[in-house]
Amino acid sequence: MNGRRARRLVSHVLGAGLAGTLLATAWCTVAGAATTPTSPTTITPGPSQTQINAAQAQVTSIEAQITQEQQQSEALSQQYDAAVQHVQQLQAQLAATTSSLAATRTQIRHDRAVLAKAALKAYVYGNTSTQVPALFTTSATAGYSRTEYEDTAIGDLASAKSALEGAQARLANIEATQQSEQQQAQSAANQALALEQQNAAATTAAQSTLQQVQGTLASEVAAAAEAAAAKAAAAAAAAARAARQAAAQKAAAQAAEAAAVVRAVGGTANAATQEANQATAAAGGPSVTTSGVGSGPSGAGGGGGSGTAALQSAQSQLGVPYVWGGETPGVGFDCSGLTQWAWAQAGVSIPRTSQAQYADLPRVWTANTSSTLSLSSLQPGDLFLYYNLDGTGSVDHVAMYAGGDTLIQAPFTGTVVRYVPVYTTGLTAVAQP
C-alpha cells in the first residue's frame, strides 16, 4: 500500500528562489556581451518586466495547485485504504457466517437423520433404547399409538425443520446484509480509487504545465537579459563611434588649421601634414607623407589624362548641395554619386556606391599593407575610401584626391561639395580607376 501511494505522489520541483536562479543563470550567459562594442544591429526587445512577473506568478499558482492536489491525493489514499480494509473485514465476516450456516445445515441434517432412524427402529423392533419406548408398547395399528407417534416423532421432526428453516432465514438475512455492506464498501473503495486516479492525472497535467511555464519563464528572463546586454553593447558601440567621430573631426580641424597657417605664412604642405599626422595618429588613422607634393589642388603632381578630367568635373560642382542618393550636376550629389559622375565625364565608368568602388577598383594603397600613405605616389582623381564613418561596419564614404594635401568631397547632409584637407581617420584604401 505504501509503495502504491509513493508512486502516486508528485514531488515539488521548484523552490521559492526559482525566478532568481533563472535570472542569475541568464545574466551569467550573456553578461559578457555588453563589454565589447559591435557594429549597429537591430535589437529585438526582450519581454517586459510585466510579462516576466506574470510568468512568475503563474509558476507560484501552479506550485500551490500541485501542493493542494498532493494533499488531496494523500487524503484519498487514506480513504481508499480504509475502504479496502472495511471490505476485507466484511468479507471475513461473510465467510464466517457462510461457514456457520453450512455447519448448522449439516448438524440439522444429521439430527434429522438420527431422529428418523431412532423412531423407525422403535416402531419396527420395539427397541427400548429409543427415546420413545412408550409409543410402541401397543399395536402400531392402534389409533392412539399412531397418534402419539405422529405427535412425538413427526412433531419433533417438524420442530427441527422449523428451527432449521428459521436458522437458515436468519443466516440468509445476515449473509444478504453483509453482501450488501460489502458491495457498498467496495463501491466506496472504487470511488475513492477513481477520485485518487483523477487527482493524480490532474497533478500530472499541472506538472506538465509547470514545466512549460518554467521553460517560458527561463526563455523570457534570458531574452530580457540578452536584450539588455545587446542594448548596452549598442550603447557602448555608439559611444565608441561618437568618440572616433569626435577625434576625426578634431584631427580634421587641426589639420585644416595647420594648413591654413602654413599657407598664410607662405610655407609648404609638409608642415601642415606633420600637424595632421599628429592629430590623426591620436584618432587611430595612418600617417601621410607629402614629399614632392604641391601645396594645394593646383599642385597635383603626376596627374593628367582621365584623372585630371575627372577632378576638373568634380571641381565644377563645388558649392552644389549634398543630397542623399544624389547624382545630378547642379542639383545635388552624395559622396559616391559625385565620384561616379566626375569619372563618367572623363569617359571612365565606375560603380555607383562607395562599397562597390572599394570592391571593384584597383587599389594603390591599403591600410592593411602600410601604415603610411605617400601623397606623392597619387594622381588627381584617385579615390580615398573610408570605413565605418557612419557606424555601418562597411566602407561608407569616398572622396577624390585634388592634389597636394587636399580632397574634394560631398560630405553629408547640410553641407556642399567642397575642399577639405587630407584626413586619414577611417581611411582603408586609395583606389585608382
Protein backbone atom coordinates (compact mmCIF):
# COMPACT_ATOMS: atom_id res chain seq x y z
CA MET A 1 0.00 0.00 0.00
CA ASN A 2 2.87 2.41 0.87
CA GLY A 3 4.63 1.65 -2.42
CA ARG A 4 1.47 2.42 -4.41
CA ARG A 5 0.99 5.69 -2.58
CA ALA A 6 4.61 6.64 -3.14
CA ARG A 7 4.19 6.12 -6.87
CA ARG A 8 1.14 8.39 -6.89
CA LEU A 9 2.70 11.34 -5.08
CA VAL A 10 4.46 14.02 -7.16
CA SER A 11 7.47 15.75 -5.61
CA HIS A 12 7.97 19.52 -5.81
CA VAL A 13 10.45 20.51 -8.47
CA LEU A 14 10.73 24.26 -7.83
CA GLY A 15 11.98 26.08 -4.79
CA ALA A 16 10.96 29.55 -3.73
CA GLY A 17 14.03 31.05 -5.44
CA LEU A 18 13.35 29.70 -8.96
CA ALA A 19 12.91 33.06 -10.66
CA GLY A 20 16.07 34.45 -9.07
CA THR A 21 18.08 31.38 -10.11
CA LEU A 22 16.85 31.61 -13.70
CA LEU A 23 17.63 35.32 -13.84
CA ALA A 24 21.14 34.82 -12.45
CA THR A 25 21.84 31.99 -14.91
CA ALA A 26 20.59 34.02 -17.86
CA TRP A 27 22.70 37.03 -16.89
CA CYS A 28 25.81 34.84 -16.47
CA THR A 29 25.24 33.59 -20.02
CA VAL A 30 25.01 36.98 -21.71
CA ALA A 31 26.74 39.41 -19.34
CA GLY A 32 29.95 39.47 -21.36
CA ALA A 33 28.16 40.68 -24.47
CA ALA A 34 27.80 44.21 -23.10
CA THR A 35 31.56 44.76 -22.79
CA THR A 36 32.53 44.54 -26.47
CA PRO A 37 31.41 47.31 -28.86
CA THR A 38 29.89 45.94 -32.04
CA SER A 39 28.53 47.47 -35.19
CA PRO A 40 24.89 48.56 -35.00
CA THR A 41 22.38 45.77 -35.38
CA THR A 42 18.65 45.58 -34.95
CA ILE A 43 17.96 44.89 -31.28
CA THR A 44 14.91 42.76 -30.63
CA PRO A 45 13.27 43.99 -27.43
CA GLY A 46 13.12 41.36 -24.69
CA PRO A 47 9.97 40.59 -22.74
CA SER A 48 8.82 43.30 -20.37
CA GLN A 49 9.08 43.02 -16.60
CA THR A 50 5.28 42.74 -16.53
CA GLN A 51 5.46 39.62 -18.71
CA ILE A 52 8.18 38.10 -16.53
CA ASN A 53 6.20 38.90 -13.36
CA ALA A 54 3.11 37.27 -14.89
CA ALA A 55 5.07 34.10 -15.68
CA GLN A 56 6.50 34.02 -12.15
CA ALA A 57 3.01 34.43 -10.69
CA GLN A 58 1.77 31.57 -12.87
CA VAL A 59 4.61 29.35 -11.60
CA THR A 60 3.68 30.18 -7.99
CA SER A 61 -0.02 29.45 -8.67
CA ILE A 62 0.74 26.08 -10.27
CA GLU A 63 3.06 25.14 -7.39
CA ALA A 64 0.24 25.87 -4.92
CA GLN A 65 -2.17 23.81 -7.04
CA ILE A 66 0.24 20.85 -7.10
CA THR A 67 0.70 21.07 -3.32
CA GLN A 68 -3.08 21.06 -2.78
CA GLU A 69 -3.52 18.12 -5.15
CA GLN A 70 -0.78 16.18 -3.36
CA GLN A 71 -2.51 16.73 -0.03
CA GLN A 72 -5.85 15.69 -1.54
CA SER A 73 -4.23 12.65 -3.10
CA GLU A 74 -2.84 11.60 0.29
CA ALA A 75 -6.29 12.02 1.91
CA LEU A 76 -7.96 9.99 -0.86
CA SER A 77 -5.31 7.32 -0.49
CA GLN A 78 -6.10 7.06 3.20
CA GLN A 79 -9.82 6.82 2.41
CA TYR A 80 -9.18 4.10 -0.15
CA ASP A 81 -7.03 2.13 2.28
CA ALA A 82 -9.74 2.36 4.96
CA ALA A 83 -12.45 1.30 2.48
CA VAL A 84 -10.40 -1.69 1.33
CA GLN A 85 -9.79 -2.69 4.95
CA HIS A 86 -13.56 -2.46 5.65
CA VAL A 87 -14.27 -4.64 2.61
CA GLN A 88 -11.78 -7.21 3.86
CA GLN A 89 -13.41 -7.23 7.31
CA LEU A 90 -16.85 -7.73 5.79
CA GLN A 91 -15.53 -10.48 3.58
CA ALA A 92 -14.11 -12.23 6.66
CA GLN A 93 -17.43 -11.85 8.49
CA LEU A 94 -19.32 -13.14 5.48
CA ALA A 95 -17.02 -16.13 5.22
CA ALA A 96 -17.56 -16.88 8.94
CA THR A 97 -21.31 -16.52 8.57
CA THR A 98 -21.34 -18.76 5.49
CA SER A 99 -19.26 -21.34 7.37
CA SER A 100 -21.61 -21.15 10.37
CA LEU A 101 -24.62 -21.56 8.10
CA ALA A 102 -23.09 -24.60 6.45
CA ALA A 103 -22.29 -26.15 9.85
CA THR A 104 -25.82 -25.54 11.08
CA ARG A 105 -27.28 -27.13 7.98
CA THR A 106 -25.04 -30.15 8.40
CA GLN A 107 -25.96 -30.54 12.07
CA ILE A 108 -29.69 -30.30 11.36
CA ARG A 109 -29.45 -32.88 8.59
CA HIS A 110 -27.55 -35.16 10.96
CA ASP A 111 -30.05 -34.71 13.81
CA ARG A 112 -32.94 -35.23 11.47
CA ALA A 113 -31.48 -38.48 10.17
CA VAL A 114 -30.73 -39.75 13.68
CA LEU A 115 -34.24 -38.94 14.89
CA ALA A 116 -35.87 -40.63 11.90
CA LYS A 117 -33.70 -43.70 12.30
CA ALA A 118 -34.43 -43.96 16.03
CA ALA A 119 -38.15 -43.62 15.50
CA LEU A 120 -38.11 -46.25 12.77
CA LYS A 121 -36.21 -48.71 14.93
CA ALA A 122 -38.51 -48.21 17.87
CA TYR A 123 -41.53 -48.76 15.70
CA VAL A 124 -40.20 -51.82 13.94
CA TYR A 125 -38.22 -53.53 16.68
CA GLY A 126 -39.66 -52.13 19.82
CA ASN A 127 -36.16 -51.13 20.89
CA THR A 128 -36.26 -49.77 24.47
CA SER A 129 -33.13 -47.75 23.92
CA THR A 130 -35.07 -45.33 21.86
CA GLN A 131 -36.26 -42.12 23.43
CA VAL A 132 -39.91 -43.03 22.72
CA PRO A 133 -40.46 -46.63 24.05
CA ALA A 134 -43.95 -45.96 25.31
CA LEU A 135 -45.14 -45.28 21.81
CA PHE A 136 -44.60 -48.83 20.68
CA THR A 137 -45.86 -50.99 23.62
CA THR A 138 -49.16 -51.44 21.77
CA SER A 139 -50.03 -52.34 18.24
CA ALA A 140 -48.80 -49.95 15.63
CA THR A 141 -52.29 -50.02 14.16
CA ALA A 142 -53.85 -48.71 17.34
CA GLY A 143 -55.15 -45.25 16.72
CA TYR A 144 -53.83 -43.88 19.95
CA SER A 145 -50.33 -45.24 19.45
CA ARG A 146 -50.10 -43.86 15.90
CA THR A 147 -51.34 -40.55 17.10
CA GLU A 148 -48.74 -40.45 19.83
CA TYR A 149 -46.06 -41.48 17.36
CA GLU A 150 -47.01 -38.82 14.93
CA ASP A 151 -47.29 -36.17 17.65
CA THR A 152 -43.91 -37.12 19.13
CA ALA A 153 -41.65 -38.29 16.29
CA ILE A 154 -43.10 -36.38 13.41
CA GLY A 155 -43.74 -33.35 15.63
CA ASP A 156 -40.11 -33.32 16.69
CA LEU A 157 -39.07 -33.52 13.08
CA ALA A 158 -41.37 -30.62 12.19
CA SER A 159 -39.94 -28.61 15.07
CA ALA A 160 -36.41 -29.40 13.97
CA LYS A 161 -37.28 -28.49 10.41
CA SER A 162 -38.87 -25.24 11.59
CA ALA A 163 -35.77 -24.45 13.65
CA LEU A 164 -33.60 -25.22 10.62
CA GLU A 165 -35.64 -23.00 8.39
CA GLY A 166 -35.54 -20.22 10.99
CA ALA A 167 -31.78 -20.54 11.31
CA GLN A 168 -31.41 -20.62 7.55
CA ALA A 169 -33.56 -17.49 7.21
CA ARG A 170 -31.56 -15.65 9.86
CA LEU A 171 -28.28 -16.68 8.32
CA ALA A 172 -29.56 -15.76 4.86
CA ASN A 173 -30.52 -12.31 6.15
CA ILE A 174 -27.14 -11.89 7.76
CA GLU A 175 -25.46 -13.06 4.57
CA ALA A 176 -27.55 -10.69 2.43
CA THR A 177 -26.81 -7.77 4.79
CA GLN A 178 -23.12 -8.50 4.75
CA GLN A 179 -23.10 -8.87 0.97
CA SER A 180 -24.90 -5.50 0.67
CA GLU A 181 -22.41 -3.90 3.03
CA GLN A 182 -19.57 -5.48 1.12
CA GLN A 183 -20.93 -4.13 -2.17
CA GLN A 184 -21.33 -0.67 -0.67
CA ALA A 185 -17.84 -0.78 0.81
CA GLN A 186 -16.39 -1.99 -2.48
CA SER A 187 -18.25 0.78 -4.30
CA ALA A 188 -16.84 3.33 -1.85
CA ALA A 189 -13.35 1.93 -2.35
CA ASN A 190 -13.73 2.05 -6.13
CA GLN A 191 -15.00 5.63 -5.93
CA ALA A 192 -12.07 6.66 -3.71
CA LEU A 193 -9.66 4.96 -6.12
CA ALA A 194 -11.26 6.70 -9.10
CA LEU A 195 -11.03 10.09 -7.37
CA GLU A 196 -7.44 9.42 -6.47
CA GLN A 197 -6.61 8.46 -10.06
CA GLN A 198 -8.35 11.61 -11.36
CA ASN A 199 -6.41 13.69 -8.85
CA ALA A 200 -3.16 12.02 -9.89
CA ALA A 201 -3.97 12.77 -13.55
CA ALA A 202 -4.68 16.40 -12.66
CA THR A 203 -1.39 16.58 -10.76
CA THR A 204 0.47 15.15 -13.76
CA ALA A 205 -1.18 17.69 -16.06
CA ALA A 206 -0.31 20.51 -13.66
CA GLN A 207 3.27 19.25 -13.52
CA SER A 208 3.47 19.32 -17.32
CA THR A 209 2.04 22.83 -17.40
CA LEU A 210 4.50 23.88 -14.72
CA GLN A 211 7.43 22.61 -16.78
CA GLN A 212 6.17 24.53 -19.83
CA VAL A 213 5.76 27.71 -17.79
CA GLN A 214 9.21 27.20 -16.31
CA GLY A 215 10.62 26.96 -19.82
CA THR A 216 8.74 30.08 -20.88
CA LEU A 217 9.91 31.98 -17.81
CA ALA A 218 13.53 30.92 -18.37
CA SER A 219 13.31 31.98 -22.03
CA GLU A 220 11.76 35.32 -21.11
CA VAL A 221 14.37 36.04 -18.44
CA ALA A 222 17.18 35.05 -20.83
CA ALA A 223 15.68 37.15 -23.64
CA ALA A 224 15.35 40.14 -21.32
CA ALA A 225 18.94 39.75 -20.19
CA GLU A 226 20.14 39.30 -23.78
CA ALA A 227 18.19 42.37 -24.93
CA ALA A 228 19.64 44.40 -22.07
CA ALA A 229 23.14 43.19 -22.92
CA ALA A 230 22.61 43.96 -26.61
CA LYS A 231 21.32 47.41 -25.70
CA ALA A 232 24.35 48.01 -23.50
CA ALA A 233 26.66 46.79 -26.27
CA ALA A 234 24.92 49.05 -28.79
CA ALA A 235 25.28 51.98 -26.41
CA ALA A 236 28.97 51.20 -25.93
CA ALA A 237 29.45 50.92 -29.69
CA ALA A 238 27.61 54.22 -30.23
CA ALA A 239 29.80 55.88 -27.61
CA ALA A 240 32.91 54.47 -29.29
CA ARG A 241 31.71 55.70 -32.69
CA ALA A 242 30.97 59.12 -31.23
CA ALA A 243 34.43 59.24 -29.71
CA ARG A 244 36.04 58.21 -33.02
CA GLN A 245 33.99 60.75 -34.96
CA ALA A 246 34.86 63.46 -32.46
CA ALA A 247 38.55 62.55 -32.75
CA ALA A 248 38.29 62.55 -36.54
CA GLN A 249 36.60 65.94 -36.55
CA LYS A 250 39.21 67.29 -34.17
CA ALA A 251 42.01 65.87 -36.32
CA ALA A 252 40.49 67.34 -39.49
CA ALA A 253 40.05 70.71 -37.80
CA GLN A 254 43.63 70.67 -36.56
CA ALA A 255 44.90 69.67 -39.97
CA ALA A 256 42.86 72.41 -41.67
CA GLU A 257 44.05 74.96 -39.17
CA ALA A 258 47.66 73.89 -39.63
CA ALA A 259 47.34 74.00 -43.41
CA ALA A 260 45.79 77.45 -43.26
CA VAL A 261 48.59 78.72 -41.04
CA VAL A 262 51.25 77.27 -43.31
CA ARG A 263 49.67 78.78 -46.40
CA ALA A 264 49.25 82.13 -44.65
CA VAL A 265 52.95 82.33 -43.92
CA GLY A 266 53.95 81.03 -47.36
CA GLY A 267 55.15 77.62 -46.17
CA THR A 268 54.70 74.20 -47.75
CA ALA A 269 52.20 71.47 -47.09
CA ASN A 270 54.76 69.39 -45.24
CA ALA A 271 54.30 71.34 -42.01
CA ALA A 272 50.53 71.08 -42.28
CA THR A 273 50.81 67.37 -42.97
CA GLN A 274 53.04 66.92 -39.92
CA GLU A 275 50.37 68.57 -37.78
CA ALA A 276 47.69 66.43 -39.42
CA ASN A 277 49.71 63.27 -38.78
CA GLN A 278 49.90 64.09 -35.10
CA ALA A 279 46.15 64.70 -34.93
CA THR A 280 45.13 61.68 -36.96
CA ALA A 281 47.53 59.39 -35.10
CA ALA A 282 45.68 60.29 -31.93
CA ALA A 283 42.46 59.29 -33.69
CA GLY A 284 43.88 55.95 -34.84
CA GLY A 285 44.41 56.78 -38.52
CA PRO A 286 47.50 56.22 -40.72
CA SER A 287 50.04 58.97 -41.32
CA VAL A 288 50.76 60.62 -44.66
CA THR A 289 53.92 61.93 -46.32
CA THR A 290 53.98 64.81 -48.83
CA SER A 291 57.44 64.61 -50.39
CA GLY A 292 57.22 66.09 -53.90
CA VAL A 293 53.64 67.28 -53.49
CA GLY A 294 52.48 70.85 -54.05
CA SER A 295 50.60 72.95 -51.52
CA GLY A 296 47.08 72.74 -52.87
CA PRO A 297 44.72 71.47 -55.54
CA SER A 298 46.62 73.29 -58.31
CA GLY A 299 49.76 71.50 -57.30
CA ALA A 300 48.62 67.99 -58.07
CA GLY A 301 51.65 66.06 -59.07
CA GLY A 302 51.99 63.27 -61.58
CA GLY A 303 48.44 63.68 -62.76
CA GLY A 304 46.93 64.07 -66.16
CA GLY A 305 44.58 62.49 -68.60
CA SER A 306 41.43 60.92 -67.24
CA GLY A 307 42.23 61.65 -63.58
CA THR A 308 42.69 65.36 -64.25
CA ALA A 309 39.48 65.45 -66.30
CA ALA A 310 37.60 63.70 -63.52
CA LEU A 311 38.98 66.17 -60.96
CA GLN A 312 38.04 69.17 -63.13
CA SER A 313 34.49 67.79 -63.42
CA ALA A 314 34.27 67.43 -59.66
CA GLN A 315 35.63 70.96 -59.18
CA SER A 316 32.87 72.25 -61.43
CA GLN A 317 30.35 71.15 -58.81
CA LEU A 318 31.89 72.97 -55.86
CA GLY A 319 29.09 74.50 -53.81
CA VAL A 320 26.41 72.07 -55.05
CA PRO A 321 24.40 70.76 -52.04
CA TYR A 322 24.81 67.29 -50.60
CA VAL A 323 21.73 65.18 -51.40
CA TRP A 324 21.45 61.60 -50.19
CA GLY A 325 21.37 59.37 -53.27
CA GLY A 326 22.02 62.44 -55.41
CA GLU A 327 23.84 62.17 -58.76
CA THR A 328 22.60 65.22 -60.67
CA PRO A 329 25.04 68.03 -61.53
CA GLY A 330 23.99 71.44 -60.31
CA VAL A 331 21.25 69.89 -58.15
CA GLY A 332 22.84 67.58 -55.63
CA PHE A 333 25.30 64.74 -55.05
CA ASP A 334 26.13 62.26 -52.39
CA CYS A 335 29.76 61.17 -51.98
CA SER A 336 29.82 58.25 -54.44
CA GLY A 337 27.37 59.94 -56.79
CA LEU A 338 29.90 62.79 -57.22
CA THR A 339 32.88 60.49 -57.88
CA GLN A 340 30.94 58.27 -60.33
CA TRP A 341 29.64 61.30 -62.27
CA ALA A 342 33.04 63.02 -62.36
CA TRP A 343 34.82 59.93 -63.70
CA ALA A 344 31.99 59.38 -66.20
CA GLN A 345 32.75 62.87 -67.60
CA ALA A 346 36.31 61.64 -68.16
CA GLY A 347 34.95 58.66 -70.09
CA VAL A 348 35.52 56.08 -67.36
CA SER A 349 32.64 54.03 -65.90
CA ILE A 350 32.94 53.10 -62.21
CA PRO A 351 30.43 51.53 -59.79
CA ARG A 352 27.76 53.66 -58.10
CA THR A 353 28.35 53.09 -54.38
CA SER A 354 31.43 53.51 -52.22
CA GLN A 355 31.26 49.82 -51.23
CA ALA A 356 31.21 48.73 -54.88
CA GLN A 357 34.00 51.20 -55.79
CA TYR A 358 36.10 49.71 -52.98
CA ALA A 359 35.37 46.19 -54.16
CA ASP A 360 35.87 46.66 -57.91
CA LEU A 361 38.55 49.35 -58.45
CA PRO A 362 42.32 48.72 -58.36
CA ARG A 363 43.89 49.88 -55.11
CA VAL A 364 47.19 51.72 -54.95
CA TRP A 365 47.30 51.74 -51.15
CA THR A 366 45.50 49.92 -48.29
CA ALA A 367 45.66 50.37 -44.53
CA ASN A 368 46.22 46.61 -44.19
CA THR A 369 49.54 46.73 -46.02
CA SER A 370 51.01 50.07 -44.92
CA SER A 371 50.53 52.48 -42.03
CA THR A 372 51.93 55.41 -44.07
CA LEU A 373 50.40 56.89 -47.21
CA SER A 374 52.68 58.82 -49.56
CA LEU A 375 50.69 61.51 -51.35
CA SER A 376 53.46 61.84 -53.94
CA SER A 377 52.50 58.42 -55.29
CA LEU A 378 48.94 59.50 -56.02
CA GLN A 379 47.30 61.10 -59.03
CA PRO A 380 44.48 63.66 -59.16
CA GLY A 381 41.13 61.92 -59.29
CA ASP A 382 42.26 58.98 -57.12
CA LEU A 383 39.59 57.91 -54.68
CA PHE A 384 40.03 57.86 -50.88
CA LEU A 385 37.75 55.15 -49.42
CA TYR A 386 36.73 55.26 -45.75
CA TYR A 387 35.44 52.50 -43.48
CA ASN A 388 32.67 52.75 -40.85
CA LEU A 389 32.49 56.52 -40.51
CA ASP A 390 28.71 56.20 -40.18
CA GLY A 391 28.82 53.17 -37.91
CA THR A 392 27.63 50.81 -40.67
CA GLY A 393 30.50 48.37 -40.33
CA SER A 394 31.40 48.74 -44.01
CA VAL A 395 33.00 51.13 -46.48
CA ASP A 396 30.62 54.10 -46.34
CA HIS A 397 32.39 57.18 -47.75
CA VAL A 398 34.55 58.19 -50.71
CA ALA A 399 36.41 61.41 -51.54
CA MET A 400 38.50 62.46 -54.58
CA TYR A 401 42.17 63.43 -54.31
CA ALA A 402 42.61 67.00 -55.58
CA GLY A 403 46.41 67.17 -55.30
CA GLY A 404 48.69 68.49 -52.61
CA ASP A 405 47.13 67.79 -49.20
CA THR A 406 43.57 68.35 -50.37
CA LEU A 407 40.47 66.30 -51.11
CA ILE A 408 37.20 67.26 -52.78
CA GLN A 409 34.06 65.57 -51.49
CA ALA A 410 30.31 65.72 -50.84
CA PRO A 411 30.45 65.14 -47.05
CA PHE A 412 27.00 64.85 -45.51
CA THR A 413 23.52 66.37 -45.32
CA GLY A 414 23.62 70.10 -44.70
CA THR A 415 26.92 70.65 -46.49
CA VAL A 416 28.02 71.27 -50.10
CA VAL A 417 30.66 69.85 -52.43
CA ARG A 418 33.88 71.36 -51.10
CA TYR A 419 37.62 71.05 -50.49
CA VAL A 420 38.91 69.54 -47.24
CA PRO A 421 42.44 68.75 -46.06
CA VAL A 422 43.53 65.14 -46.44
CA TYR A 423 42.34 63.18 -43.39
CA THR A 424 43.07 59.54 -42.65
CA THR A 425 40.76 58.63 -39.77
CA GLY A 426 38.84 55.61 -41.09
CA LEU A 427 40.84 55.58 -44.36
CA THR A 428 41.02 51.99 -45.55
CA ALA A 429 42.22 52.25 -49.17
CA VAL A 430 43.05 54.52 -52.09
CA ALA A 431 41.74 53.35 -55.48
CA GLN A 432 42.80 54.45 -58.97
CA PRO A 433 40.15 53.97 -61.68
